[in-house]
Protein backbone atom coordinates (compact mmCIF):
# COMPACT_ATOMS: atom_id res chain seq x y z
CA UNK A 1 20.41 21.53 -5.93
CA UNK A 2 23.10 23.22 -8.05
CA UNK A 3 22.38 24.05 -11.67
CA UNK A 4 24.19 21.35 -13.63
CA UNK A 5 23.77 20.88 -17.36
CA UNK A 6 25.42 18.72 -19.94
CA UNK A 7 25.33 21.47 -22.58
CA UNK A 8 27.50 24.59 -22.83
CA UNK A 9 24.83 27.01 -21.62
CA UNK A 10 26.85 29.80 -20.11
CA UNK A 11 27.64 32.58 -22.57
CA UNK A 12 28.59 35.06 -19.87
CA UNK A 13 29.94 34.11 -16.45
CA UNK A 14 26.95 35.69 -14.73
CA UNK A 15 24.10 34.45 -16.96
CA UNK A 16 22.84 31.22 -18.45
CA UNK A 17 21.11 30.97 -21.81
CA UNK A 18 17.70 29.29 -21.79
CA UNK A 19 15.05 28.72 -24.44
CA UNK A 20 11.28 28.69 -24.37
CA UNK A 21 9.07 27.32 -27.16
CA UNK A 22 5.83 29.31 -27.36
CA UNK A 23 2.70 29.62 -29.43
CA UNK A 24 1.30 32.87 -30.87
CA UNK A 25 -0.78 33.81 -27.81
CA UNK A 26 2.16 33.53 -25.40
CA UNK A 27 4.42 35.35 -27.86
CA UNK A 28 1.97 38.28 -28.00
CA UNK A 29 2.02 38.53 -24.20
CA UNK A 30 5.83 38.47 -24.19
CA UNK A 31 5.83 41.26 -26.76
CA UNK A 32 3.36 43.26 -24.62
CA UNK A 33 5.84 42.99 -21.71
CA UNK A 34 8.43 44.77 -23.83
CA UNK A 35 10.20 41.44 -24.44
CA UNK A 36 11.23 41.27 -20.78
CA UNK A 37 8.88 38.77 -19.11
CA UNK A 38 6.91 35.58 -19.57
CA UNK A 39 3.17 35.72 -18.78
CA UNK A 40 1.69 34.06 -15.71
CA UNK A 41 0.85 30.40 -16.05
CA UNK A 42 -2.76 29.30 -16.49
CA UNK A 43 -4.48 27.58 -13.54
CA UNK A 44 -3.87 24.13 -15.05
CA UNK A 45 -0.16 24.86 -15.61
CA UNK A 46 1.67 24.45 -12.27
CA UNK A 47 5.17 24.60 -13.79
CA UNK A 48 6.99 27.02 -16.08
CA UNK A 49 9.57 24.99 -17.97
CA UNK A 50 12.24 26.79 -19.95
CA UNK A 51 14.47 24.34 -21.79
CA UNK A 52 18.25 24.18 -21.74
CA UNK A 53 19.02 23.80 -25.42
CA UNK A 54 17.74 25.15 -28.72
CA UNK A 55 17.29 21.80 -30.53
CA UNK A 56 14.80 20.67 -27.87
CA UNK A 57 12.99 24.04 -28.04
CA UNK A 58 12.80 23.71 -31.84
CA UNK A 59 11.32 20.24 -31.52
CA UNK A 60 8.57 21.47 -29.19
CA UNK A 61 7.77 24.60 -31.22
CA UNK A 62 7.63 22.68 -34.50
CA UNK A 63 5.99 19.45 -33.31
CA UNK A 64 3.64 20.70 -30.57
CA UNK A 65 2.96 24.40 -31.00
CA UNK A 66 2.36 24.32 -34.76
CA UNK A 67 -0.30 21.55 -34.63
CA UNK A 68 -1.92 23.15 -31.56
CA UNK A 69 -2.06 26.75 -32.75
CA UNK A 70 -0.82 27.01 -36.33
CA UNK A 71 2.57 28.46 -35.49
CA UNK A 72 5.42 28.03 -33.05
CA UNK A 73 8.31 30.19 -31.95
CA UNK A 74 11.58 29.57 -30.13
CA UNK A 75 12.62 32.28 -27.72
CA UNK A 76 16.08 32.70 -26.21
CA UNK A 77 16.90 34.63 -23.07
CA UNK A 78 19.54 35.04 -20.38
CA UNK A 79 18.93 34.48 -16.67
CA UNK A 80 21.23 35.16 -13.73
CA UNK A 81 23.07 31.88 -13.18
CA UNK A 82 23.22 32.17 -9.40
CA UNK A 83 19.43 32.50 -9.26
CA UNK A 84 18.95 29.38 -11.43
CA UNK A 85 20.78 27.22 -8.89
CA UNK A 86 17.53 26.84 -6.96
CA UNK A 87 15.75 24.98 -9.78
CA UNK A 88 16.33 21.35 -10.75
CA UNK A 89 17.18 20.43 -14.32
CA UNK A 90 14.88 17.59 -15.31
CA UNK A 91 15.39 15.13 -18.15
CA UNK A 92 11.96 14.34 -19.59
CA UNK A 93 12.76 11.99 -22.44
CA UNK A 94 16.03 11.55 -24.28
CA UNK A 95 19.22 13.03 -22.87
CA UNK A 96 18.69 16.23 -24.91
CA UNK A 97 15.21 16.79 -23.40
CA UNK A 98 16.29 18.89 -20.43
CA UNK A 99 14.34 21.68 -18.83
CA UNK A 100 14.12 23.62 -15.60
CA UNK A 101 11.03 23.21 -13.48
CA UNK A 102 10.02 26.57 -12.06
CA UNK A 103 6.86 26.53 -9.91
CA UNK A 104 4.22 28.78 -11.46
CA UNK A 105 3.99 30.89 -8.31
CA UNK A 106 7.69 31.79 -8.71
CA UNK A 107 7.46 32.97 -12.32
CA UNK A 108 7.18 36.65 -11.44
CA UNK A 109 10.43 36.41 -9.45
CA UNK A 110 12.02 34.38 -12.26
CA UNK A 111 11.16 37.18 -14.70
CA UNK A 112 12.99 39.69 -12.49
CA UNK A 113 16.20 37.68 -13.00
CA UNK A 114 16.04 37.76 -16.81
CA UNK A 115 18.95 39.83 -18.13
CA UNK A 116 18.27 41.76 -21.32
CA UNK A 117 15.49 41.00 -23.78
CA UNK A 118 13.72 37.80 -24.78
CA UNK A 119 14.41 37.24 -28.49
CA UNK A 120 12.77 35.01 -31.10
CA UNK A 121 15.34 32.74 -32.78
CA UNK A 122 13.07 30.49 -34.88
CA UNK A 123 9.58 30.67 -36.34
CA UNK A 124 7.47 27.72 -37.56
CA UNK A 125 6.18 27.19 -40.09
CA UNK A 126 9.07 28.94 -41.82
């Protein structure tokens, strides 16, 4: 299925910007990777789901990660657009709640298609 989104995601013709809300434990593992990879999923987490827009990532970081772990972070990163074409974009609530569903066993390969560094754009609580 081609990668189709209703948001202007492409900042460079070869990459697509994605976001990932994370808690402090996942952020530490990202930092330990040199800001270049997301950690493997836990056994009860069959899907890695980066989101397609920052407002949705903010909502998750603020409303889910903060109550669960005391803080939440929004990360932004670029992925090769051609590679992303293999993953469906799922709408999981309102029209702005869009995310890619990457099977956990493909996360290592997904990480190899990240271009540049993973950066933190928001921190909660601020």
